[in-house]
Amino acid sequence: MASNFPPVNEIFDELDRLRDFCRYEGHVFNEQSLYNKKDPVWQAYERWQHYKNAEHRAKSRNRK
C-alpha cells in the first residue's frame, strides 16, 4: 500500500515550525493553515522558508 502522506512525526514537526513562525512574525496561528495553499498564513510561511533557505545557500557559497 503506497502512501503519499509524510510520517506523523514530520507533520507535528512542521506544525511546531508553523506555530513558531506565527509567534515570531505576528501572524494568527491556526492549525487548519497547515498545508493549505490558499491560506495566507501558510503562503507567508512558505515564502519565509524559501527566504531562509536562500539566505543559507548564499552564506555557504560565500564561505568558499
C-alpha atoms as a PDB file:
ATOM      1  CA  MET A   1       0.000   0.000   0.000  1.00  0.00           C
ATOM      2  CA  ALA A   2       1.563   3.276  -1.117  1.00  0.00           C
ATOM      3  CA  SER A   3       1.160   6.397   0.940  1.00  0.00           C
ATOM      4  CA  ASN A   4       1.638   9.954  -0.272  1.00  0.00           C
ATOM      5  CA  PHE A   5       1.470  11.428   3.223  1.00  0.00           C
ATOM      6  CA  PRO A   6       4.545  12.271   5.308  1.00  0.00           C
ATOM      7  CA  PRO A   7       5.129  10.341   8.537  1.00  0.00           C
ATOM      8  CA  VAL A   8       3.261  11.606  11.578  1.00  0.00           C
ATOM      9  CA  ASN A   9       6.438  12.925  13.220  1.00  0.00           C
ATOM     10  CA  GLU A  10       7.146  15.174  10.236  1.00  0.00           C
ATOM     11  CA  ILE A  11       3.618  16.572  10.335  1.00  0.00           C
ATOM     12  CA  PHE A  12       3.917  17.525  14.006  1.00  0.00           C
ATOM     13  CA  ASP A  13       7.404  18.980  13.452  1.00  0.00           C
ATOM     14  CA  GLU A  14       6.041  21.125  10.623  1.00  0.00           C
ATOM     15  CA  LEU A  15       3.141  22.218  12.833  1.00  0.00           C
ATOM     16  CA  ASP A  16       5.613  23.297  15.538  1.00  0.00           C
ATOM     17  CA  ARG A  17       7.645  25.271  12.995  1.00  0.00           C
ATOM     18  CA  LEU A  18       4.466  26.963  11.730  1.00  0.00           C
ATOM     19  CA  ARG A  19       3.468  27.836  15.297  1.00  0.00           C
ATOM     20  CA  ASP A  20       6.895  29.354  15.970  1.00  0.00           C
ATOM     21  CA  PHE A  21       6.718  31.327  12.717  1.00  0.00           C
ATOM     22  CA  CYS A  22       3.314  32.730  13.673  1.00  0.00           C
ATOM     23  CA  ARG A  23       4.506  33.589  17.148  1.00  0.00           C
ATOM     24  CA  TYR A  24       7.633  35.443  15.999  1.00  0.00           C
ATOM     25  CA  GLU A  25       6.213  37.092  12.878  1.00  0.00           C
ATOM     26  CA  GLY A  26       2.894  38.175  14.402  1.00  0.00           C
ATOM     27  CA  HIS A  27       0.508  36.004  12.394  1.00  0.00           C
ATOM     28  CA  VAL A  28      -2.568  34.340  13.861  1.00  0.00           C
ATOM     29  CA  PHE A  29      -1.841  30.641  14.429  1.00  0.00           C
ATOM     30  CA  ASN A  30      -4.485  28.222  13.227  1.00  0.00           C
ATOM     31  CA  GLU A  31      -3.803  24.515  12.820  1.00  0.00           C
ATOM     32  CA  GLN A  32      -6.026  24.436   9.746  1.00  0.00           C
ATOM     33  CA  SER A  33      -3.458  26.570   7.923  1.00  0.00           C
ATOM     34  CA  LEU A  34      -1.039  23.644   7.769  1.00  0.00           C
ATOM     35  CA  TYR A  35      -0.543  22.532   4.117  1.00  0.00           C
ATOM     36  CA  ASN A  36      -3.449  24.740   2.950  1.00  0.00           C
ATOM     37  CA  LYS A  37      -2.020  26.506  -0.103  1.00  0.00           C
ATOM     38  CA  LYS A  38      -4.903  29.003  -0.192  1.00  0.00           C
ATOM     39  CA  ASP A  39      -4.332  30.209   3.375  1.00  0.00           C
ATOM     40  CA  PRO A  40      -2.373  33.492   3.573  1.00  0.00           C
ATOM     41  CA  VAL A  41      -0.530  32.387   6.720  1.00  0.00           C
ATOM     42  CA  TRP A  42       0.720  29.210   5.010  1.00  0.00           C
ATOM     43  CA  GLN A  43       1.757  31.241   1.955  1.00  0.00           C
ATOM     44  CA  ALA A  44       3.713  33.655   4.163  1.00  0.00           C
ATOM     45  CA  TYR A  45       5.315  30.713   5.986  1.00  0.00           C
ATOM     46  CA  GLU A  46       6.419  29.126   2.703  1.00  0.00           C
ATOM     47  CA  ARG A  47       7.862  32.433   1.457  1.00  0.00           C
ATOM     48  CA  TRP A  48       9.718  32.800   4.756  1.00  0.00           C
ATOM     49  CA  GLN A  49      11.108  29.260   4.432  1.00  0.00           C
ATOM     50  CA  HIS A  50      12.297  29.930   0.882  1.00  0.00           C
ATOM     51  CA  TYR A  51      13.940  33.162   2.059  1.00  0.00           C
ATOM     52  CA  LYS A  52      15.756  31.403   4.920  1.00  0.00           C
ATOM     53  CA  ASN A  53      16.924  28.591   2.617  1.00  0.00           C
ATOM     54  CA  ALA A  54      18.209  31.088   0.030  1.00  0.00           C
ATOM     55  CA  GLU A  55      19.962  33.047   2.753  1.00  0.00           C
ATOM     56  CA  HIS A  56      21.660  29.875   3.989  1.00  0.00           C
ATOM     57  CA  ARG A  57      22.724  28.912   0.452  1.00  0.00           C
ATOM     58  CA  ALA A  58      24.177  32.381  -0.157  1.00  0.00           C
ATOM     59  CA  LYS A  59      26.156  32.258   3.082  1.00  0.00           C
ATOM     60  CA  SER A  60      27.557  28.817   2.292  1.00  0.00           C
ATOM     61  CA  ARG A  61      28.520  29.982  -1.228  1.00  0.00           C
ATOM     62  CA  ASN A  62      30.437  32.959   0.156  1.00  0.00           C
ATOM     63  CA  ARG A  63      32.443  30.831   2.597  1.00  0.00           C
ATOM     64  CA  LYS A  64      34.350  29.066  -0.177  1.00  0.00           C
END
